[in-house]
Amino acid sequence: MLPSCREVSQLASENLDTPVKGSRGLKMKLHLMMCKYCRLYQKQMELTQKTICEMENHTHTECVDSKRKIFEQVEAKYKKSHNNK
């Protein structure tokens, strides 16, 4: 069974940091072959990451590390706000 568009968007985000491999990677590629919206989303994410890295004069590794820290901060705030409810 192929992943949903929501699952592919998460995999596409992971794929920016490190390539998604194995059956998950294959399923993602198959979905991308059939879904023009997910292909567009993935291309937009790649372009955004490239643009941010170029603006900040970061290498790819520095950009990935910076992005990972930002996502960790956002995730921590999200968890904190949902634990208080």
PDB file of N, CA and C in Angstrom:
ATOM      1  N   MET A   1       0.843  -1.181   0.000  1.00  0.00           N
ATOM      2  CA  MET A   1       0.000   0.000   0.000  1.00  0.00           C
ATOM      3  C   MET A   1       0.888   1.243   0.000  1.00  0.00           C
ATOM      4  N   LEU A   2       0.553   2.188  -0.854  1.00  0.00           N
ATOM      5  CA  LEU A   2       1.318   3.424  -0.953  1.00  0.00           C
ATOM      6  C   LEU A   2       0.959   4.366   0.190  1.00  0.00           C
ATOM      7  N   PRO A   3       1.921   5.192   0.605  1.00  0.00           N
ATOM      8  CA  PRO A   3       1.642   6.147   1.683  1.00  0.00           C
ATOM      9  C   PRO A   3       0.710   7.255   1.197  1.00  0.00           C
ATOM     10  N   SER A   4       0.043   7.884   2.155  1.00  0.00           N
ATOM     11  CA  SER A   4      -0.839   9.007   1.843  1.00  0.00           C
ATOM     12  C   SER A   4       0.006  10.246   1.552  1.00  0.00           C
ATOM     13  N   CYS A   5      -0.647  11.275   1.057  1.00  0.00           N
ATOM     14  CA  CYS A   5       0.063  12.538   0.792  1.00  0.00           C
ATOM     15  C   CYS A   5       0.652  13.097   2.089  1.00  0.00           C
ATOM     16  N   ARG A   6      -0.071  12.974   3.172  1.00  0.00           N
ATOM     17  CA  ARG A   6       0.436  13.455   4.472  1.00  0.00           C
ATOM     18  C   ARG A   6       1.710  12.709   4.858  1.00  0.00           C
ATOM     19  N   GLU A   7       1.701  11.390   4.681  1.00  0.00           N
ATOM     20  CA  GLU A   7       2.897  10.587   5.007  1.00  0.00           C
ATOM     21  C   GLU A   7       4.063  10.949   4.087  1.00  0.00           C
ATOM     22  N   VAL A   8       3.780  11.190   2.817  1.00  0.00           N
ATOM     23  CA  VAL A   8       4.832  11.550   1.870  1.00  0.00           C
ATOM     24  C   VAL A   8       5.415  12.915   2.215  1.00  0.00           C
ATOM     25  N   SER A   9       4.594  13.827   2.692  1.00  0.00           N
ATOM     26  CA  SER A   9       5.127  15.140   3.078  1.00  0.00           C
ATOM     27  C   SER A   9       6.099  14.997   4.245  1.00  0.00           C
ATOM     28  N   GLN A  10       5.815  14.089   5.174  1.00  0.00           N
ATOM     29  CA  GLN A  10       6.732  13.839   6.286  1.00  0.00           C
ATOM     30  C   GLN A  10       8.012  13.169   5.786  1.00  0.00           C
ATOM     31  N   LEU A  11       7.865  12.214   4.897  1.00  0.00           N
ATOM     32  CA  LEU A  11       9.039  11.543   4.332  1.00  0.00           C
ATOM     33  C   LEU A  11       9.890  12.512   3.519  1.00  0.00           C
ATOM     34  N   ALA A  12       9.235  13.426   2.800  1.00  0.00           N
ATOM     35  CA  ALA A  12       9.973  14.413   2.006  1.00  0.00           C
ATOM     36  C   ALA A  12      10.797  15.310   2.917  1.00  0.00           C
ATOM     37  N   SER A  13      10.244  15.642   4.072  1.00  0.00           N
ATOM     38  CA  SER A  13      10.983  16.450   5.040  1.00  0.00           C
ATOM     39  C   SER A  13      12.194  15.675   5.573  1.00  0.00           C
ATOM     40  N   GLU A  14      11.986  14.422   5.918  1.00  0.00           N
ATOM     41  CA  GLU A  14      13.096  13.566   6.366  1.00  0.00           C
ATOM     42  C   GLU A  14      14.150  13.457   5.276  1.00  0.00           C
ATOM     43  N   ASN A  15      13.701  13.353   4.040  1.00  0.00           N
ATOM     44  CA  ASN A  15      14.584  13.141   2.900  1.00  0.00           C
ATOM     45  C   ASN A  15      15.523  14.325   2.679  1.00  0.00           C
ATOM     46  N   LEU A  16      15.154  15.508   3.154  1.00  0.00           N
ATOM     47  CA  LEU A  16      16.028  16.673   3.038  1.00  0.00           C
ATOM     48  C   LEU A  16      17.277  16.498   3.893  1.00  0.00           C
ATOM     49  N   ASP A  17      17.129  15.833   5.037  1.00  0.00           N
ATOM     50  CA  ASP A  17      18.252  15.622   5.954  1.00  0.00           C
ATOM     51  C   ASP A  17      19.102  14.441   5.514  1.00  0.00           C
ATOM     52  N   THR A  18      18.460  13.305   5.386  1.00  0.00           N
ATOM     53  CA  THR A  18      19.149  12.087   4.943  1.00  0.00           C
ATOM     54  C   THR A  18      18.207  11.322   4.021  1.00  0.00           C
ATOM     55  N   PRO A  19      18.735  10.714   2.981  1.00  0.00           N
ATOM     56  CA  PRO A  19      17.870   9.998   2.039  1.00  0.00           C
ATOM     57  C   PRO A  19      17.035   8.900   2.717  1.00  0.00           C
ATOM     58  N   VAL A  20      15.755   8.882   2.390  1.00  0.00           N
ATOM     59  CA  VAL A  20      14.871   7.827   2.883  1.00  0.00           C
ATOM     60  C   VAL A  20      15.133   6.606   2.011  1.00  0.00           C
ATOM     61  N   LYS A  21      15.493   5.509   2.637  1.00  0.00           N
ATOM     62  CA  LYS A  21      15.880   4.310   1.882  1.00  0.00           C
ATOM     63  C   LYS A  21      14.937   3.150   2.171  1.00  0.00           C
ATOM     64  N   GLY A  22      15.211   2.059   1.531  1.00  0.00           N
ATOM     65  CA  GLY A  22      14.448   0.834   1.750  1.00  0.00           C
ATOM     66  C   GLY A  22      13.043   0.926   1.207  1.00  0.00           C
ATOM     67  N   SER A  23      12.146   0.177   1.830  1.00  0.00           N
ATOM     68  CA  SER A  23      10.765   0.124   1.332  1.00  0.00           C
ATOM     69  C   SER A  23      10.066   1.475   1.473  1.00  0.00           C
ATOM     70  N   ARG A  24      10.396   2.233   2.535  1.00  0.00           N
ATOM     71  CA  ARG A  24       9.782   3.561   2.709  1.00  0.00           C
ATOM     72  C   ARG A  24      10.183   4.483   1.557  1.00  0.00           C
ATOM     73  N   GLY A  25      11.455   4.435   1.176  1.00  0.00           N
ATOM     74  CA  GLY A  25      11.929   5.264   0.070  1.00  0.00           C
ATOM     75  C   GLY A  25      11.282   4.869  -1.246  1.00  0.00           C
ATOM     76  N   LEU A  26      11.168   3.566  -1.463  1.00  0.00           N
ATOM     77  CA  LEU A  26      10.547   3.080  -2.697  1.00  0.00           C
ATOM     78  C   LEU A  26       9.081   3.486  -2.764  1.00  0.00           C
ATOM     79  N   LYS A  27       8.360   3.333  -1.655  1.00  0.00           N
ATOM     80  CA  LYS A  27       6.945   3.719  -1.628  1.00  0.00           C
ATOM     81  C   LYS A  27       6.789   5.220  -1.853  1.00  0.00           C
ATOM     82  N   MET A  28       7.703   5.999  -1.281  1.00  0.00           N
ATOM     83  CA  MET A  28       7.647   7.442  -1.473  1.00  0.00           C
ATOM     84  C   MET A  28       7.862   7.777  -2.950  1.00  0.00           C
ATOM     85  N   LYS A  29       8.854   7.148  -3.583  1.00  0.00           N
ATOM     86  CA  LYS A  29       9.136   7.409  -4.997  1.00  0.00           C
ATOM     87  C   LYS A  29       7.947   7.024  -5.881  1.00  0.00           C
ATOM     88  N   LEU A  30       7.320   5.902  -5.578  1.00  0.00           N
ATOM     89  CA  LEU A  30       6.149   5.486  -6.358  1.00  0.00           C
ATOM     90  C   LEU A  30       5.013   6.492  -6.216  1.00  0.00           C
ATOM     91  N   HIS A  31       4.792   6.946  -4.987  1.00  0.00           N
ATOM     92  CA  HIS A  31       3.741   7.940  -4.755  1.00  0.00           C
ATOM     93  C   HIS A  31       4.063   9.219  -5.515  1.00  0.00           C
ATOM     94  N   LEU A  32       5.325   9.658  -5.465  1.00  0.00           N
ATOM     95  CA  LEU A  32       5.724  10.889  -6.150  1.00  0.00           C
ATOM     96  C   LEU A  32       5.547  10.775  -7.666  1.00  0.00           C
ATOM     97  N   MET A  33       5.731   9.572  -8.202  1.00  0.00           N
ATOM     98  CA  MET A  33       5.543   9.372  -9.643  1.00  0.00           C
ATOM     99  C   MET A  33       4.090   9.601 -10.040  1.00  0.00           C
ATOM    100  N   MET A  34       3.171   9.319  -9.120  1.00  0.00           N
ATOM    101  CA  MET A  34       1.748   9.402  -9.450  1.00  0.00           C
ATOM    102  C   MET A  34       1.081  10.700  -8.982  1.00  0.00           C
ATOM    103  N   CYS A  35       1.694  11.401  -8.039  1.00  0.00           N
ATOM    104  CA  CYS A  35       1.029  12.558  -7.422  1.00  0.00           C
ATOM    105  C   CYS A  35       1.783  13.850  -7.728  1.00  0.00           C
ATOM    106  N   LYS A  36       1.234  14.654  -8.624  1.00  0.00           N
ATOM    107  CA  LYS A  36       1.916  15.882  -9.021  1.00  0.00           C
ATOM    108  C   LYS A  36       1.964  16.889  -7.876  1.00  0.00           C
ATOM    109  N   TYR A  37       1.000  16.831  -6.958  1.00  0.00           N
ATOM    110  CA  TYR A  37       0.992  17.772  -5.841  1.00  0.00           C
ATOM    111  C   TYR A  37       2.119  17.484  -4.857  1.00  0.00           C
ATOM    112  N   CYS A  38       2.380  16.227  -4.607  1.00  0.00           N
ATOM    113  CA  CYS A  38       3.481  15.867  -3.714  1.00  0.00           C
ATOM    114  C   CYS A  38       4.835  16.144  -4.369  1.00  0.00           C
ATOM    115  N   ARG A  39       4.916  15.948  -5.685  1.00  0.00           N
ATOM    116  CA  ARG A  39       6.160  16.293  -6.399  1.00  0.00           C
ATOM    117  C   ARG A  39       6.434  17.783  -6.273  1.00  0.00           C
ATOM    118  N   LEU A  40       5.394  18.578  -6.454  1.00  0.00           N
ATOM    119  CA  LEU A  40       5.529  20.022  -6.331  1.00  0.00           C
ATOM    120  C   LEU A  40       5.937  20.404  -4.905  1.00  0.00           C
ATOM    121  N   TYR A  41       5.303  19.782  -3.918  1.00  0.00           N
ATOM    122  CA  TYR A  41       5.626  20.059  -2.515  1.00  0.00           C
ATOM    123  C   TYR A  41       7.094  19.742  -2.230  1.00  0.00           C
ATOM    124  N   GLN A  42       7.562  18.607  -2.705  1.00  0.00           N
ATOM    125  CA  GLN A  42       8.947  18.212  -2.483  1.00  0.00           C
ATOM    126  C   GLN A  42       9.907  19.205  -3.149  1.00  0.00           C
ATOM    127  N   LYS A  43       9.608  19.614  -4.358  1.00  0.00           N
ATOM    128  CA  LYS A  43      10.454  20.580  -5.062  1.00  0.00           C
ATOM    129  C   LYS A  43      10.481  21.913  -4.326  1.00  0.00           C
ATOM    130  N   GLN A  44       9.334  22.335  -3.795  1.00  0.00           N
ATOM    131  CA  GLN A  44       9.267  23.587  -3.046  1.00  0.00           C
ATOM    132  C   GLN A  44      10.109  23.500  -1.767  1.00  0.00           C
ATOM    133  N   MET A  45      10.054  22.372  -1.099  1.00  0.00           N
ATOM    134  CA  MET A  45      10.853  22.188   0.117  1.00  0.00           C
ATOM    135  C   MET A  45      12.343  22.234  -0.203  1.00  0.00           C
ATOM    136  N   GLU A  46      12.740  21.567  -1.276  1.00  0.00           N
ATOM    137  CA  GLU A  46      14.148  21.561  -1.675  1.00  0.00           C
ATOM    138  C   GLU A  46      14.613  22.973  -2.032  1.00  0.00           C
ATOM    139  N   LEU A  47      13.781  23.714  -2.754  1.00  0.00           N
ATOM    140  CA  LEU A  47      14.126  25.072  -3.135  1.00  0.00           C
ATOM    141  C   LEU A  47      14.223  25.977  -1.903  1.00  0.00           C
ATOM    142  N   THR A  48      13.299  25.816  -0.970  1.00  0.00           N
ATOM    143  CA  THR A  48      13.321  26.610   0.256  1.00  0.00           C
ATOM    144  C   THR A  48      14.595  26.357   1.042  1.00  0.00           C
ATOM    145  N   GLN A  49      14.944  25.077   1.195  1.00  0.00           N
ATOM    146  CA  GLN A  49      16.159  24.746   1.933  1.00  0.00           C
ATOM    147  C   GLN A  49      17.395  25.318   1.230  1.00  0.00           C
ATOM    148  N   LYS A  50      17.458  25.183  -0.068  1.00  0.00           N
ATOM    149  CA  LYS A  50      18.593  25.694  -0.831  1.00  0.00           C
ATOM    150  C   LYS A  50      18.700  27.207  -0.695  1.00  0.00           C
ATOM    151  N   THR A  51      17.571  27.904  -0.793  1.00  0.00           N
ATOM    152  CA  THR A  51      17.556  29.362  -0.698  1.00  0.00           C
ATOM    153  C   THR A  51      18.010  29.825   0.681  1.00  0.00           C
ATOM    154  N   ILE A  52      17.512  29.190   1.723  1.00  0.00           N
ATOM    155  CA  ILE A  52      17.902  29.560   3.086  1.00  0.00           C
ATOM    156  C   ILE A  52      19.398  29.341   3.280  1.00  0.00           C
ATOM    157  N   CYS A  53      19.900  28.226   2.824  1.00  0.00           N
ATOM    158  CA  CYS A  53      21.326  27.936   2.962  1.00  0.00           C
ATOM    159  C   CYS A  53      22.171  28.970   2.227  1.00  0.00           C
ATOM    160  N   GLU A  54      21.740  29.337   1.029  1.00  0.00           N
ATOM    161  CA  GLU A  54      22.493  30.322   0.250  1.00  0.00           C
ATOM    162  C   GLU A  54      22.445  31.700   0.898  1.00  0.00           C
ATOM    163  N   MET A  55      21.300  32.062   1.463  1.00  0.00           N
ATOM    164  CA  MET A  55      21.174  33.360   2.121  1.00  0.00           C
ATOM    165  C   MET A  55      22.071  33.449   3.349  1.00  0.00           C
ATOM    166  N   GLU A  56      22.222  32.353   4.043  1.00  0.00           N
ATOM    167  CA  GLU A  56      23.015  32.343   5.264  1.00  0.00           C
ATOM    168  C   GLU A  56      24.451  31.883   5.012  1.00  0.00           C
ATOM    169  N   ASN A  57      24.798  31.641   3.745  1.00  0.00           N
ATOM    170  CA  ASN A  57      26.141  31.174   3.371  1.00  0.00           C
ATOM    171  C   ASN A  57      26.550  29.922   4.142  1.00  0.00           C
ATOM    172  N   HIS A  58      25.616  29.006   4.302  1.00  0.00           N
ATOM    173  CA  HIS A  58      25.883  27.744   4.991  1.00  0.00           C
ATOM    174  C   HIS A  58      26.229  26.648   3.991  1.00  0.00           C
ATOM    175  N   THR A  59      27.056  25.723   4.446  1.00  0.00           N
ATOM    176  CA  THR A  59      27.236  24.499   3.684  1.00  0.00           C
ATOM    177  C   THR A  59      25.985  23.657   3.886  1.00  0.00           C
ATOM    178  N   HIS A  60      25.818  22.604   3.098  1.00  0.00           N
ATOM    179  CA  HIS A  60      24.650  21.731   3.244  1.00  0.00           C
ATOM    180  C   HIS A  60      24.580  21.158   4.654  1.00  0.00           C
ATOM    181  N   THR A  61      25.696  20.702   5.190  1.00  0.00           N
ATOM    182  CA  THR A  61      25.721  20.101   6.535  1.00  0.00           C
ATOM    183  C   THR A  61      25.317  21.122   7.588  1.00  0.00           C
ATOM    184  N   GLU A  62      25.841  22.344   7.481  1.00  0.00           N
ATOM    185  CA  GLU A  62      25.478  23.389   8.438  1.00  0.00           C
ATOM    186  C   GLU A  62      23.997  23.715   8.345  1.00  0.00           C
ATOM    187  N   CYS A  63      23.476  23.728   7.143  1.00  0.00           N
ATOM    188  CA  CYS A  63      22.064  24.031   6.932  1.00  0.00           C
ATOM    189  C   CYS A  63      21.181  22.946   7.550  1.00  0.00           C
ATOM    190  N   VAL A  64      21.545  21.702   7.336  1.00  0.00           N
ATOM    191  CA  VAL A  64      20.776  20.587   7.897  1.00  0.00           C
ATOM    192  C   VAL A  64      20.801  20.653   9.419  1.00  0.00           C
ATOM    193  N   ASP A  65      21.965  20.919  10.000  1.00  0.00           N
ATOM    194  CA  ASP A  65      22.072  21.021  11.460  1.00  0.00           C
ATOM    195  C   ASP A  65      21.223  22.169  11.993  1.00  0.00           C
ATOM    196  N   SER A  66      21.265  23.303  11.315  1.00  0.00           N
ATOM    197  CA  SER A  66      20.488  24.467  11.726  1.00  0.00           C
ATOM    198  C   SER A  66      18.997  24.169  11.654  1.00  0.00           C
ATOM    199  N   LYS A  67      18.571  23.549  10.558  1.00  0.00           N
ATOM    200  CA  LYS A  67      17.158  23.207  10.386  1.00  0.00           C
ATOM    201  C   LYS A  67      16.707  22.218  11.446  1.00  0.00           C
ATOM    202  N   ARG A  68      17.550  21.244  11.758  1.00  0.00           N
ATOM    203  CA  ARG A  68      17.214  20.240  12.768  1.00  0.00           C
ATOM    204  C   ARG A  68      16.994  20.909  14.131  1.00  0.00           C
ATOM    205  N   LYS A  69      17.842  21.866  14.490  1.00  0.00           N
ATOM    206  CA  LYS A  69      17.693  22.573  15.763  1.00  0.00           C
ATOM    207  C   LYS A  69      16.383  23.343  15.804  1.00  0.00           C
ATOM    208  N   ILE A  70      16.034  24.002  14.693  1.00  0.00           N
ATOM    209  CA  ILE A  70      14.778  24.752  14.639  1.00  0.00           C
ATOM    210  C   ILE A  70      13.595  23.816  14.803  1.00  0.00           C
ATOM    211  N   PHE A  71      13.599  22.678  14.094  1.00  0.00           N
ATOM    212  CA  PHE A  71      12.500  21.721  14.220  1.00  0.00           C
ATOM    213  C   PHE A  71      12.396  21.174  15.639  1.00  0.00           C
ATOM    214  N   GLU A  72      13.528  20.923  16.298  1.00  0.00           N
ATOM    215  CA  GLU A  72      13.511  20.428  17.677  1.00  0.00           C
ATOM    216  C   GLU A  72      12.898  21.463  18.610  1.00  0.00           C
ATOM    217  N   GLN A  73      13.217  22.744  18.398  1.00  0.00           N
ATOM    218  CA  GLN A  73      12.637  23.803  19.223  1.00  0.00           C
ATOM    219  C   GLN A  73      11.132  23.902  19.020  1.00  0.00           C
ATOM    220  N   VAL A  74      10.702  23.846  17.774  1.00  0.00           N
ATOM    221  CA  VAL A  74       9.266  23.914  17.474  1.00  0.00           C
ATOM    222  C   VAL A  74       8.544  22.709  18.078  1.00  0.00           C
ATOM    223  N   GLU A  75       9.132  21.533  17.933  1.00  0.00           N
ATOM    224  CA  GLU A  75       8.516  20.323  18.481  1.00  0.00           C
ATOM    225  C   GLU A  75       8.405  20.409  19.995  1.00  0.00           C
ATOM    226  N   ALA A  76       9.445  20.908  20.671  1.00  0.00           N
ATOM    227  CA  ALA A  76       9.415  21.041  22.127  1.00  0.00           C
ATOM    228  C   ALA A  76       8.307  22.000  22.563  1.00  0.00           C
ATOM    229  N   LYS A  77       8.157  23.122  21.850  1.00  0.00           N
ATOM    230  CA  LYS A  77       7.094  24.083  22.171  1.00  0.00           C
ATOM    231  C   LYS A  77       5.721  23.463  21.945  1.00  0.00           C
ATOM    232  N   TYR A  78       5.587  22.687  20.882  1.00  0.00           N
ATOM    233  CA  TYR A  78       4.319  22.023  20.581  1.00  0.00           C
ATOM    234  C   TYR A  78       3.949  21.043  21.694  1.00  0.00           C
ATOM    235  N   LYS A  79       4.920  20.221  22.079  1.00  0.00           N
ATOM    236  CA  LYS A  79       4.661  19.236  23.138  1.00  0.00           C
ATOM    237  C   LYS A  79       4.313  19.926  24.450  1.00  0.00           C
ATOM    238  N   LYS A  80       5.042  20.989  24.765  1.00  0.00           N
ATOM    239  CA  LYS A  80       4.792  21.723  26.000  1.00  0.00           C
ATOM    240  C   LYS A  80       3.388  22.313  26.002  1.00  0.00           C
ATOM    241  N   SER A  81       2.984  22.886  24.885  1.00  0.00           N
ATOM    242  CA  SER A  81       1.654  23.513  24.832  1.00  0.00           C
ATOM    243  C   SER A  81       0.542  22.465  24.904  1.00  0.00           C
ATOM    244  N   HIS A  82       0.790  21.259  24.408  1.00  0.00           N
ATOM    245  CA  HIS A  82      -0.241  20.224  24.454  1.00  0.00           C
ATOM    246  C   HIS A  82      -0.246  19.450  25.763  1.00  0.00           C
ATOM    247  N   ASN A  83       0.833  19.515  26.518  1.00  0.00           N
ATOM    248  CA  ASN A  83       0.862  18.864  27.840  1.00  0.00           C
ATOM    249  C   ASN A  83       0.170  19.707  28.887  1.00  0.00           C
ATOM    250  N   ASN A  84       0.031  21.003  28.639  1.00  0.00           N
ATOM    251  CA  ASN A  84      -0.603  21.910  29.590  1.00  0.00           C
ATOM    252  C   ASN A  84      -2.125  21.900  29.478  1.00  0.00           C
ATOM    253  N   LYS A  85      -2.670  21.225  28.497  1.00  0.00           N
ATOM    254  CA  LYS A  85      -4.127  21.203  28.301  1.00  0.00           C
ATOM    255  C   LYS A  85      -4.762  20.090  29.070  1.00  0.00           C
TER     256      LYS A  85
END
